[in-house]
Amino acid sequence: MQSFMLGYMQATLACYGMRRWNPDLTQPSDSLFNVACRFVVVGTFRQALVTRTYAAYKIPLKYADSYDLLSKIYDHIVHFHYAARFRKELDNPGSVLTATELQARLTRRARVRSFTLHVLSIEICNSCSALEGPD
């Protein structure tokens, strides 16, 4: 991410009197503080889209004008997904980190298994071709 955009995000946080972005997941999503957090994120994301900071991700610019859509996406990610993880962590401390580590380990195993099967299939095909010999 461009250093300009990071500075812009920090300046936007400062305009709202915040030192860091940290929504209160114990309050409803429409609480005054959480609404300010949403304004900061959606506003800076829109600015990043317009300045082509995320050009590598090929996000259409038409979404920069859709505040309602971006707001709904923000609410889903923060107040549904991360709030669920937050509540799970409150109920069972360390469980989210353990689950994240386990998922990462399983993903790595799946990649290694897939690569191994791919290499083995190539070796088997090469072996079969060598056994058949030239016609």
Foldseek 3Di string as FASTA:
>chain_A
DDPVLVVVLCVLCVVVVHRDQDDDLVDDCPDPRNVSSLCSVLVSVLVCVVVCVVVVVVDDNVVSPVSVVSSVVVCCVVNPVVSVVVVVCVVPPPPSVVVVVVVVVVVVVVVVVVVVVVVVVVVVVVVVDVVVDDD
